[in-house]
Amino acid sequence: MYTNIRLGNEPSPTDPVWLRVGKEITAAFQHIGFVYLKAHGVPEGQVDQIVSAGAKFFDLSQEEKDKFPRDPDKQQGYVAIGRERFNDIHSYEIREAYDVKRTDGMFPDIAVPEFRPAAADFIDTCMKLTNRILIAMALGLDLDRNFFVNTHREICSDNNASCLRLLHYPPVAPDISEGAIRCGTHTDYGTITLLFQDDLGGLYVRDRKGQWVSAEPIPGTILVNVGDILQFWTSDKLIATEHKVLIPEEEVRRRTCRRSTVFFVHPDDPVLIRPLYGASTFTPVTARDHVLRRFRETYKY
């Protein structure tokens, strides 16, 4: 999907453009819950810088990486392989991550001095694009244009669970245990997610017919998807799509690490999520209570 609400598109988009893009996004979300966003305005150089900084961190020794463990209260730091599991049917989920919630939080500044500034620049850009998507999405759902912007004022702060996550899927050993997977089946927890994939693939999403469909990487695009909270808000009009990352069958890809960069967007912690369109199976819940419950289900501390 191309968009005229891209960053750097000045003068500001007209009202008909905002509405058209919003209707296209919400229609795509109703179809499968994922959309490829082209011509978004995020500089390719910024994506390259944050991926490079993450790669340098993940290439450190395990002893060095373990000096920066994710703090469950601050939601910042390193998540080692085996610390997070989405689905207990799998014997092993082979990935590691580094979460960044605050750019003034914990970073491996000595080992990877470029990490903090790259993250700061990238988060700033993602926040600007997110606000544009939130405006378009509100109009697409026939809401006040600032409905979502007003409920997402403190992104990447102590009062909001939004964060940048760098993911590293290491090469798969020949003797890996049966039932292992790179990332188990799950839905994202928040409002929307911005995903920047590498070119290796492996991501699969479940469509409305229950079939698993490969979300093939498309150069220059961002994959945007619906999270749990948006499903609650829209009374199931928009569904948080299940997805997973499989171990590739091709030997050359099994031996190659996979990297992705993800920006998770959540409402401010105190926001009470109530269904917007009448009857729903969901009980109203604050954004904070929902995400803390999902973290307790996922992380092994």
C-alpha atoms as a PDB file:
ATOM      1  CA  MET A   1       0.000   0.000   0.000  1.00  0.00           C
ATOM      2  CA  TYR A   2       1.379   3.407  -0.961  1.00  0.00           C
ATOM      3  CA  THR A   3       0.596   6.357   1.272  1.00  0.00           C
ATOM      4  CA  ASN A   4       0.514  10.122   0.815  1.00  0.00           C
ATOM      5  CA  ILE A   5       0.798  10.621   4.568  1.00  0.00           C
ATOM      6  CA  ARG A   6       4.492   9.753   4.409  1.00  0.00           C
ATOM      7  CA  LEU A   7       7.022  11.561   6.566  1.00  0.00           C
ATOM      8  CA  GLY A   8       8.447  14.588   4.821  1.00  0.00           C
ATOM      9  CA  ASN A   9       5.352  14.952   2.634  1.00  0.00           C
ATOM     10  CA  GLU A  10       4.812  18.673   2.856  1.00  0.00           C
ATOM     11  CA  PRO A  11       2.524  20.529   2.805  1.00  0.00           C
ATOM     12  CA  SER A  12       0.352  18.501   5.154  1.00  0.00           C
ATOM     13  CA  PRO A  13      -1.943  15.976   3.465  1.00  0.00           C
ATOM     14  CA  THR A  14      -5.427  17.179   2.656  1.00  0.00           C
ATOM     15  CA  ASP A  15      -8.463  15.859   4.536  1.00  0.00           C
ATOM     16  CA  PRO A  16      -9.531  13.619   1.600  1.00  0.00           C
ATOM     17  CA  VAL A  17      -6.044  12.060   1.530  1.00  0.00           C
ATOM     18  CA  TRP A  18      -6.092  11.358   5.285  1.00  0.00           C
ATOM     19  CA  LEU A  19      -9.528   9.752   4.935  1.00  0.00           C
ATOM     20  CA  ARG A  20      -8.614   7.693   1.858  1.00  0.00           C
ATOM     21  CA  VAL A  21      -5.476   6.290   3.452  1.00  0.00           C
ATOM     22  CA  GLY A  22      -7.318   5.622   6.702  1.00  0.00           C
ATOM     23  CA  LYS A  23     -10.038   3.677   4.898  1.00  0.00           C
ATOM     24  CA  GLU A  24      -7.412   1.660   2.988  1.00  0.00           C
ATOM     25  CA  ILE A  25      -5.515   0.796   6.166  1.00  0.00           C
ATOM     26  CA  THR A  26      -8.586  -0.244   8.140  1.00  0.00           C
ATOM     27  CA  ALA A  27      -9.924  -2.267   5.195  1.00  0.00           C
ATOM     28  CA  ALA A  28      -6.632  -4.146   5.000  1.00  0.00           C
ATOM     29  CA  PHE A  29      -6.676  -4.702   8.744  1.00  0.00           C
ATOM     30  CA  GLN A  30     -10.166  -6.193   8.464  1.00  0.00           C
ATOM     31  CA  HIS A  31      -8.986  -8.537   5.722  1.00  0.00           C
ATOM     32  CA  ILE A  32      -5.946 -10.051   7.430  1.00  0.00           C
ATOM     33  CA  GLY A  33      -4.695  -7.683  10.137  1.00  0.00           C
ATOM     34  CA  PHE A  34      -1.402  -6.901   8.361  1.00  0.00           C
ATOM     35  CA  VAL A  35      -0.535  -4.283   5.745  1.00  0.00           C
ATOM     36  CA  TYR A  36       2.644  -3.468   3.815  1.00  0.00           C
ATOM     37  CA  LEU A  37       3.312   0.268   3.966  1.00  0.00           C
ATOM     38  CA  LYS A  38       5.334   1.722   1.077  1.00  0.00           C
ATOM     39  CA  ALA A  39       6.616   5.260   0.546  1.00  0.00           C
ATOM     40  CA  HIS A  40       6.489   5.803   4.311  1.00  0.00           C
ATOM     41  CA  GLY A  41       9.361   8.287   4.555  1.00  0.00           C
ATOM     42  CA  VAL A  42      11.530   6.431   7.088  1.00  0.00           C
ATOM     43  CA  PRO A  43      15.112   6.956   5.826  1.00  0.00           C
ATOM     44  CA  GLU A  44      16.759   3.724   4.752  1.00  0.00           C
ATOM     45  CA  GLY A  45      19.964   4.938   6.376  1.00  0.00           C
ATOM     46  CA  GLN A  46      18.281   5.076   9.780  1.00  0.00           C
ATOM     47  CA  VAL A  47      17.063   1.501   9.404  1.00  0.00           C
ATOM     48  CA  ASP A  48      20.563   0.392   8.423  1.00  0.00           C
ATOM     49  CA  GLN A  49      22.116   2.179  11.416  1.00  0.00           C
ATOM     50  CA  ILE A  50      19.875   0.599  14.040  1.00  0.00           C
ATOM     51  CA  VAL A  51      20.194  -2.867  12.457  1.00  0.00           C
ATOM     52  CA  SER A  52      23.986  -2.487  12.387  1.00  0.00           C
ATOM     53  CA  ALA A  53      24.111  -1.376  16.027  1.00  0.00           C
ATOM     54  CA  GLY A  54      21.955  -4.328  17.054  1.00  0.00           C
ATOM     55  CA  ALA A  55      24.092  -6.746  15.085  1.00  0.00           C
ATOM     56  CA  LYS A  56      27.200  -5.467  16.845  1.00  0.00           C
ATOM     57  CA  PHE A  57      25.548  -6.027  20.227  1.00  0.00           C
ATOM     58  CA  PHE A  58      24.333  -9.542  19.431  1.00  0.00           C
ATOM     59  CA  ASP A  59      27.813 -10.443  18.195  1.00  0.00           C
ATOM     60  CA  LEU A  60      29.230  -9.762  21.674  1.00  0.00           C
ATOM     61  CA  SER A  61      30.086 -12.678  23.944  1.00  0.00           C
ATOM     62  CA  GLN A  62      27.263 -14.154  25.988  1.00  0.00           C
ATOM     63  CA  GLU A  63      29.006 -12.982  29.146  1.00  0.00           C
ATOM     64  CA  GLU A  64      29.043  -9.405  27.872  1.00  0.00           C
ATOM     65  CA  LYS A  65      25.400  -9.445  26.725  1.00  0.00           C
ATOM     66  CA  ASP A  66      24.286 -10.844  30.061  1.00  0.00           C
ATOM     67  CA  LYS A  67      25.543  -7.665  31.758  1.00  0.00           C
ATOM     68  CA  PHE A  68      22.475  -5.869  30.392  1.00  0.00           C
ATOM     69  CA  PRO A  69      19.496  -8.045  31.402  1.00  0.00           C
ATOM     70  CA  ARG A  70      16.001  -6.786  30.656  1.00  0.00           C
ATOM     71  CA  ASP A  71      14.490  -5.134  33.701  1.00  0.00           C
ATOM     72  CA  PRO A  72      10.846  -6.337  33.876  1.00  0.00           C
ATOM     73  CA  ASP A  73       9.753  -3.068  35.491  1.00  0.00           C
ATOM     74  CA  LYS A  74      11.605  -0.728  33.133  1.00  0.00           C
ATOM     75  CA  GLN A  75      11.105  -2.944  30.044  1.00  0.00           C
ATOM     76  CA  GLN A  76      14.639  -2.255  28.891  1.00  0.00           C
ATOM     77  CA  GLY A  77      17.568  -4.524  28.202  1.00  0.00           C
ATOM     78  CA  TYR A  78      18.701  -7.862  26.826  1.00  0.00           C
ATOM     79  CA  VAL A  79      16.449 -10.917  26.560  1.00  0.00           C
ATOM     80  CA  ALA A  80      18.500 -14.110  26.265  1.00  0.00           C
ATOM     81  CA  ILE A  81      17.478 -17.191  24.307  1.00  0.00           C
ATOM     82  CA  GLY A  82      14.969 -19.196  26.319  1.00  0.00           C
ATOM     83  CA  ARG A  83      13.871 -16.290  28.524  1.00  0.00           C
ATOM     84  CA  GLU A  84      10.716 -15.584  26.533  1.00  0.00           C
ATOM     85  CA  ARG A  85       8.289 -18.194  25.258  1.00  0.00           C
ATOM     86  CA  PHE A  86       5.040 -17.524  23.440  1.00  0.00           C
ATOM     87  CA  ASN A  87       3.836 -21.079  23.081  1.00  0.00           C
ATOM     88  CA  ASP A  88       4.611 -24.018  25.374  1.00  0.00           C
ATOM     89  CA  ILE A  89       3.943 -26.585  22.642  1.00  0.00           C
ATOM     90  CA  HIS A  90       7.406 -25.804  21.287  1.00  0.00           C
ATOM     91  CA  SER A  91      10.444 -27.256  23.024  1.00  0.00           C
ATOM     92  CA  TYR A  92      12.550 -24.204  22.338  1.00  0.00           C
ATOM     93  CA  GLU A  93      12.169 -20.715  20.837  1.00  0.00           C
ATOM     94  CA  ILE A  94      15.432 -19.659  19.261  1.00  0.00           C
ATOM     95  CA  ARG A  95      15.783 -15.884  19.469  1.00  0.00           C
ATOM     96  CA  GLU A  96      17.284 -13.123  21.556  1.00  0.00           C
ATOM     97  CA  ALA A  97      16.308  -9.477  21.792  1.00  0.00           C
ATOM     98  CA  TYR A  98      17.172  -6.058  23.142  1.00  0.00           C
ATOM     99  CA  ASP A  99      14.286  -3.837  24.239  1.00  0.00           C
ATOM    100  CA  VAL A 100      14.522  -0.049  24.317  1.00  0.00           C
ATOM    101  CA  LYS A 101      11.764   1.840  26.080  1.00  0.00           C
ATOM    102  CA  ARG A 102      13.683   4.984  27.033  1.00  0.00           C
ATOM    103  CA  THR A 103      16.624   6.428  25.136  1.00  0.00           C
ATOM    104  CA  ASP A 104      18.127   7.606  28.440  1.00  0.00           C
ATOM    105  CA  GLY A 105      17.847   4.089  29.881  1.00  0.00           C
ATOM    106  CA  MET A 106      20.365   1.241  30.014  1.00  0.00           C
ATOM    107  CA  PHE A 107      22.570   0.727  26.927  1.00  0.00           C
ATOM    108  CA  PRO A 108      25.877  -1.055  26.287  1.00  0.00           C
ATOM    109  CA  ASP A 109      27.516   2.319  25.672  1.00  0.00           C
ATOM    110  CA  ILE A 110      31.118   1.156  26.007  1.00  0.00           C
ATOM    111  CA  ALA A 111      30.826  -1.963  23.837  1.00  0.00           C
ATOM    112  CA  VAL A 112      28.447  -0.453  21.254  1.00  0.00           C
ATOM    113  CA  PRO A 113      28.631   3.357  21.511  1.00  0.00           C
ATOM    114  CA  GLU A 114      26.568   3.861  18.357  1.00  0.00           C
ATOM    115  CA  PHE A 115      23.577   1.933  19.755  1.00  0.00           C
ATOM    116  CA  ARG A 116      22.045   4.719  21.875  1.00  0.00           C
ATOM    117  CA  PRO A 117      22.150   7.514  19.235  1.00  0.00           C
ATOM    118  CA  ALA A 118      20.904   5.157  16.518  1.00  0.00           C
ATOM    119  CA  ALA A 119      18.001   4.074  18.743  1.00  0.00           C
ATOM    120  CA  ALA A 120      17.162   7.678  19.654  1.00  0.00           C
ATOM    121  CA  ASP A 121      16.990   8.740  16.000  1.00  0.00           C
ATOM    122  CA  PHE A 122      15.011   5.678  14.976  1.00  0.00           C
ATOM    123  CA  ILE A 123      12.477   5.946  17.806  1.00  0.00           C
ATOM    124  CA  ASP A 124      11.915   9.636  17.048  1.00  0.00           C
ATOM    125  CA  THR A 125      11.178   8.796  13.405  1.00  0.00           C
ATOM    126  CA  CYS A 126       8.909   5.861  14.305  1.00  0.00           C
ATOM    127  CA  MET A 127       6.937   8.051  16.717  1.00  0.00           C
ATOM    128  CA  LYS A 128       6.319  10.645  13.993  1.00  0.00           C
ATOM    129  CA  LEU A 129       5.164   7.992  11.527  1.00  0.00           C
ATOM    130  CA  THR A 130       3.041   6.332  14.204  1.00  0.00           C
ATOM    131  CA  ASN A 131       1.164   9.564  14.868  1.00  0.00           C
ATOM    132  CA  ARG A 132       0.341   9.837  11.178  1.00  0.00           C
ATOM    133  CA  ILE A 133      -0.898   6.256  11.053  1.00  0.00           C
ATOM    134  CA  LEU A 134      -2.986   6.822  14.194  1.00  0.00           C
ATOM    135  CA  ILE A 135      -4.678   9.875  12.659  1.00  0.00           C
ATOM    136  CA  ALA A 136      -5.452   8.036   9.424  1.00  0.00           C
ATOM    137  CA  MET A 137      -6.663   4.975  11.319  1.00  0.00           C
ATOM    138  CA  ALA A 138      -9.036   7.042  13.476  1.00  0.00           C
ATOM    139  CA  LEU A 139     -10.570   8.628  10.387  1.00  0.00           C
ATOM    140  CA  GLY A 140     -10.830   5.223   8.737  1.00  0.00           C
ATOM    141  CA  LEU A 141     -12.834   4.016  11.746  1.00  0.00           C
ATOM    142  CA  ASP A 142     -15.097   7.118  11.686  1.00  0.00           C
ATOM    143  CA  LEU A 143     -13.655   8.425  14.947  1.00  0.00           C
ATOM    144  CA  ASP A 144     -12.415  11.893  15.816  1.00  0.00           C
ATOM    145  CA  ARG A 145      -9.087  12.313  13.985  1.00  0.00           C
ATOM    146  CA  ASN A 146      -7.237  12.787  17.292  1.00  0.00           C
ATOM    147  CA  PHE A 147      -8.838   9.878  19.166  1.00  0.00           C
ATOM    148  CA  PHE A 148      -5.771   7.636  19.010  1.00  0.00           C
ATOM    149  CA  VAL A 149      -3.224  10.457  19.132  1.00  0.00           C
ATOM    150  CA  ASN A 150      -4.771  11.702  22.384  1.00  0.00           C
ATOM    151  CA  THR A 151      -4.529   8.233  23.947  1.00  0.00           C
ATOM    152  CA  HIS A 152      -0.903   7.733  22.849  1.00  0.00           C
ATOM    153  CA  ARG A 153       0.702  10.966  24.076  1.00  0.00           C
ATOM    154  CA  GLU A 154       3.546   9.442  26.113  1.00  0.00           C
ATOM    155  CA  ILE A 155       4.992   6.812  23.772  1.00  0.00           C
ATOM    156  CA  CYS A 156       8.316   5.364  25.018  1.00  0.00           C
ATOM    157  CA  SER A 157       8.060   6.807  28.524  1.00  0.00           C
ATOM    158  CA  ASP A 158       7.548   5.475  32.047  1.00  0.00           C
ATOM    159  CA  ASN A 159       3.818   5.979  31.493  1.00  0.00           C
ATOM    160  CA  ASN A 160       3.537   3.947  28.292  1.00  0.00           C
ATOM    161  CA  ALA A 161       4.620   0.420  27.270  1.00  0.00           C
ATOM    162  CA  SER A 162       5.622   1.272  23.681  1.00  0.00           C
ATOM    163  CA  CYS A 163       9.152   0.178  22.864  1.00  0.00           C
ATOM    164  CA  LEU A 164      11.708  -0.538  20.187  1.00  0.00           C
ATOM    165  CA  ARG A 165      12.793  -4.174  20.011  1.00  0.00           C
ATOM    166  CA  LEU A 166      15.782  -5.512  18.116  1.00  0.00           C
ATOM    167  CA  LEU A 167      15.442  -9.218  17.366  1.00  0.00           C
ATOM    168  CA  HIS A 168      18.192 -11.675  16.473  1.00  0.00           C
ATOM    169  CA  TYR A 169      17.462 -15.210  15.324  1.00  0.00           C
ATOM    170  CA  PRO A 170      20.833 -17.011  15.317  1.00  0.00           C
ATOM    171  CA  PRO A 171      21.847 -19.750  12.888  1.00  0.00           C
ATOM    172  CA  VAL A 172      20.126 -23.054  13.639  1.00  0.00           C
ATOM    173  CA  ALA A 173      22.355 -25.909  14.793  1.00  0.00           C
ATOM    174  CA  PRO A 174      22.054 -29.218  12.901  1.00  0.00           C
ATOM    175  CA  ASP A 175      21.151 -31.064  16.115  1.00  0.00           C
ATOM    176  CA  ILE A 176      18.415 -28.669  17.246  1.00  0.00           C
ATOM    177  CA  SER A 177      15.732 -30.383  19.320  1.00  0.00           C
ATOM    178  CA  GLU A 178      12.516 -31.524  17.660  1.00  0.00           C
ATOM    179  CA  GLY A 179       9.705 -29.037  18.078  1.00  0.00           C
ATOM    180  CA  ALA A 180      11.966 -25.970  18.149  1.00  0.00           C
ATOM    181  CA  ILE A 181      10.840 -22.767  16.429  1.00  0.00           C
ATOM    182  CA  ARG A 182      12.252 -19.296  16.027  1.00  0.00           C
ATOM    183  CA  CYS A 183       9.162 -17.583  17.439  1.00  0.00           C
ATOM    184  CA  GLY A 184       5.995 -19.264  18.661  1.00  0.00           C
ATOM    185  CA  THR A 185       2.460 -18.363  17.652  1.00  0.00           C
ATOM    186  CA  HIS A 186       1.242 -15.146  19.281  1.00  0.00           C
ATOM    187  CA  THR A 187      -0.552 -11.858  18.821  1.00  0.00           C
ATOM    188  CA  ASP A 188       1.043  -8.529  19.664  1.00  0.00           C
ATOM    189  CA  TYR A 189      -0.123  -6.866  22.845  1.00  0.00           C
ATOM    190  CA  GLY A 190      -0.646  -3.212  21.954  1.00  0.00           C
ATOM    191  CA  THR A 191      -2.419  -1.028  19.393  1.00  0.00           C
ATOM    192  CA  ILE A 192      -0.276  -1.494  16.281  1.00  0.00           C
ATOM    193  CA  THR A 193       3.210  -2.757  15.477  1.00  0.00           C
ATOM    194  CA  LEU A 194       5.710  -1.486  12.888  1.00  0.00           C
ATOM    195  CA  LEU A 195       7.952  -4.311  11.647  1.00  0.00           C
ATOM    196  CA  PHE A 196      11.105  -3.822   9.591  1.00  0.00           C
ATOM    197  CA  GLN A 197      12.119  -7.256   8.207  1.00  0.00           C
ATOM    198  CA  ASP A 198      15.396  -8.343   6.675  1.00  0.00           C
ATOM    199  CA  ASP A 199      15.333 -10.273   3.393  1.00  0.00           C
ATOM    200  CA  LEU A 200      15.417 -13.819   4.807  1.00  0.00           C
ATOM    201  CA  GLY A 201      11.714 -14.309   5.440  1.00  0.00           C
ATOM    202  CA  GLY A 202      10.240 -16.866   7.812  1.00  0.00           C
ATOM    203  CA  LEU A 203       7.319 -14.827   9.165  1.00  0.00           C
ATOM    204  CA  TYR A 204       3.896 -16.441   8.772  1.00  0.00           C
ATOM    205  CA  VAL A 205       0.492 -14.940   9.592  1.00  0.00           C
ATOM    206  CA  ARG A 206      -2.836 -16.699  10.035  1.00  0.00           C
ATOM    207  CA  ASP A 207      -5.492 -15.407   7.636  1.00  0.00           C
ATOM    208  CA  ARG A 208      -9.233 -15.183   8.291  1.00  0.00           C
ATOM    209  CA  LYS A 209      -9.707 -18.725   6.941  1.00  0.00           C
ATOM    210  CA  GLY A 210      -7.245 -20.085   9.479  1.00  0.00           C
ATOM    211  CA  GLN A 211      -4.541 -20.733   6.891  1.00  0.00           C
ATOM    212  CA  TRP A 212      -0.906 -19.795   7.486  1.00  0.00           C
ATOM    213  CA  VAL A 213       0.381 -17.344   4.854  1.00  0.00           C
ATOM    214  CA  SER A 214       4.003 -16.306   4.347  1.00  0.00           C
ATOM    215  CA  ALA A 215       4.587 -12.586   4.906  1.00  0.00           C
ATOM    216  CA  GLU A 216       7.345 -12.331   2.326  1.00  0.00           C
ATOM    217  CA  PRO A 217       9.772  -9.437   2.819  1.00  0.00           C
ATOM    218  CA  ILE A 218       9.209  -6.589   0.341  1.00  0.00           C
ATOM    219  CA  PRO A 219      12.198  -4.224   0.150  1.00  0.00           C
ATOM    220  CA  GLY A 220      11.492  -0.708   1.369  1.00  0.00           C
ATOM    221  CA  THR A 221       8.250  -1.572   3.146  1.00  0.00           C
ATOM    222  CA  ILE A 222       7.119  -1.605   6.753  1.00  0.00           C
ATOM    223  CA  LEU A 223       4.765  -4.376   7.816  1.00  0.00           C
ATOM    224  CA  VAL A 224       2.098  -2.902  10.105  1.00  0.00           C
ATOM    225  CA  ASN A 225      -0.235  -5.099  12.114  1.00  0.00           C
ATOM    226  CA  VAL A 226      -3.093  -4.980  14.618  1.00  0.00           C
ATOM    227  CA  GLY A 227      -2.453  -5.709  18.303  1.00  0.00           C
ATOM    228  CA  ASP A 228      -4.746  -7.001  21.054  1.00  0.00           C
ATOM    229  CA  ILE A 229      -5.731  -3.569  22.308  1.00  0.00           C
ATOM    230  CA  LEU A 230      -6.945  -2.385  18.907  1.00  0.00           C
ATOM    231  CA  GLN A 231      -9.040  -5.538  18.687  1.00  0.00           C
ATOM    232  CA  PHE A 232     -10.574  -4.755  22.112  1.00  0.00           C
ATOM    233  CA  TRP A 233     -11.225  -1.146  21.145  1.00  0.00           C
ATOM    234  CA  THR A 234     -12.922  -2.025  17.854  1.00  0.00           C
ATOM    235  CA  SER A 235     -15.146  -4.774  19.296  1.00  0.00           C
ATOM    236  CA  ASP A 236     -13.475  -7.374  17.024  1.00  0.00           C
ATOM    237  CA  LYS A 237     -13.938  -5.256  13.895  1.00  0.00           C
ATOM    238  CA  LEU A 238     -10.154  -5.372  13.552  1.00  0.00           C
ATOM    239  CA  ILE A 239      -8.553  -8.636  14.667  1.00  0.00           C
ATOM    240  CA  ALA A 240      -5.082  -9.071  16.167  1.00  0.00           C
ATOM    241  CA  THR A 241      -3.635 -11.585  13.732  1.00  0.00           C
ATOM    242  CA  GLU A 242      -1.659 -14.553  15.029  1.00  0.00           C
ATOM    243  CA  HIS A 243       1.837 -14.864  13.620  1.00  0.00           C
ATOM    244  CA  LYS A 244       5.016 -16.891  14.090  1.00  0.00           C
ATOM    245  CA  VAL A 245       8.558 -17.236  12.733  1.00  0.00           C
ATOM    246  CA  LEU A 246       9.517 -20.663  11.444  1.00  0.00           C
ATOM    247  CA  ILE A 247      12.903 -22.288  11.088  1.00  0.00           C
ATOM    248  CA  PRO A 248      13.547 -22.316   7.320  1.00  0.00           C
ATOM    249  CA  GLU A 249      13.821 -25.591   5.466  1.00  0.00           C
ATOM    250  CA  GLU A 250      16.623 -24.415   3.159  1.00  0.00           C
ATOM    251  CA  GLU A 251      20.006 -25.279   4.642  1.00  0.00           C
ATOM    252  CA  VAL A 252      21.602 -21.984   3.596  1.00  0.00           C
ATOM    253  CA  ARG A 253      18.906 -20.019   5.423  1.00  0.00           C
ATOM    254  CA  ARG A 254      19.093 -22.234   8.493  1.00  0.00           C
ATOM    255  CA  ARG A 255      22.777 -21.327   8.729  1.00  0.00           C
ATOM    256  CA  THR A 256      22.092 -17.591   8.352  1.00  0.00           C
ATOM    257  CA  CYS A 257      21.015 -15.335  11.196  1.00  0.00           C
ATOM    258  CA  ARG A 258      17.746 -13.435  10.789  1.00  0.00           C
ATOM    259  CA  ARG A 259      17.294  -9.915  12.138  1.00  0.00           C
ATOM    260  CA  SER A 260      14.216  -7.748  12.479  1.00  0.00           C
ATOM    261  CA  THR A 261      13.498  -4.374  14.043  1.00  0.00           C
ATOM    262  CA  VAL A 262      10.129  -3.829  15.676  1.00  0.00           C
ATOM    263  CA  PHE A 263       8.369  -0.764  17.091  1.00  0.00           C
ATOM    264  CA  PHE A 264       5.501  -1.752  19.389  1.00  0.00           C
ATOM    265  CA  VAL A 265       2.871   0.971  19.890  1.00  0.00           C
ATOM    266  CA  HIS A 266       0.768   1.017  23.063  1.00  0.00           C
ATOM    267  CA  PRO A 267      -1.698   3.506  24.576  1.00  0.00           C
ATOM    268  CA  ASP A 268      -0.667   5.429  27.673  1.00  0.00           C
ATOM    269  CA  ASP A 269      -0.808   3.220  30.769  1.00  0.00           C
ATOM    270  CA  PRO A 270      -3.938   4.740  32.427  1.00  0.00           C
ATOM    271  CA  VAL A 271      -6.075   4.631  29.274  1.00  0.00           C
ATOM    272  CA  LEU A 272      -9.147   2.468  29.854  1.00  0.00           C
ATOM    273  CA  ILE A 273      -9.832   0.356  26.781  1.00  0.00           C
ATOM    274  CA  ARG A 274     -13.598   0.131  26.249  1.00  0.00           C
ATOM    275  CA  PRO A 275     -15.263  -1.378  23.154  1.00  0.00           C
ATOM    276  CA  LEU A 276     -16.160   1.432  20.748  1.00  0.00           C
ATOM    277  CA  TYR A 277     -18.837  -0.390  18.788  1.00  0.00           C
ATOM    278  CA  GLY A 278     -21.277  -1.854  21.280  1.00  0.00           C
ATOM    279  CA  ALA A 279     -21.393  -5.407  22.579  1.00  0.00           C
ATOM    280  CA  SER A 280     -18.104  -7.201  23.045  1.00  0.00           C
ATOM    281  CA  THR A 281     -16.683 -10.241  24.770  1.00  0.00           C
ATOM    282  CA  PHE A 282     -13.947  -8.062  26.280  1.00  0.00           C
ATOM    283  CA  THR A 283     -14.033  -6.586  29.770  1.00  0.00           C
ATOM    284  CA  PRO A 284     -12.739  -2.990  29.945  1.00  0.00           C
ATOM    285  CA  VAL A 285      -9.088  -2.963  30.989  1.00  0.00           C
ATOM    286  CA  THR A 286      -6.360  -0.346  31.319  1.00  0.00           C
ATOM    287  CA  ALA A 287      -3.543  -0.486  28.831  1.00  0.00           C
ATOM    288  CA  ARG A 288      -1.066  -1.103  31.672  1.00  0.00           C
ATOM    289  CA  ASP A 289      -2.996  -3.988  33.241  1.00  0.00           C
ATOM    290  CA  HIS A 290      -3.316  -5.719  29.893  1.00  0.00           C
ATOM    291  CA  VAL A 291       0.355  -5.530  28.962  1.00  0.00           C
ATOM    292  CA  LEU A 292       1.540  -6.587  32.432  1.00  0.00           C
ATOM    293  CA  ARG A 293      -0.691  -9.652  32.247  1.00  0.00           C
ATOM    294  CA  ARG A 294       0.730 -10.582  28.840  1.00  0.00           C
ATOM    295  CA  PHE A 295       4.308 -10.093  30.082  1.00  0.00           C
ATOM    296  CA  ARG A 296       3.633 -12.415  33.033  1.00  0.00           C
ATOM    297  CA  GLU A 297       2.381 -15.053  30.614  1.00  0.00           C
ATOM    298  CA  THR A 298       5.425 -14.785  28.352  1.00  0.00           C
ATOM    299  CA  TYR A 299       8.619 -14.068  30.298  1.00  0.00           C
ATOM    300  CA  LYS A 300      10.460 -16.651  32.371  1.00  0.00           C
ATOM    301  CA  TYR A 301      12.230 -14.825  35.236  1.00  0.00           C
END
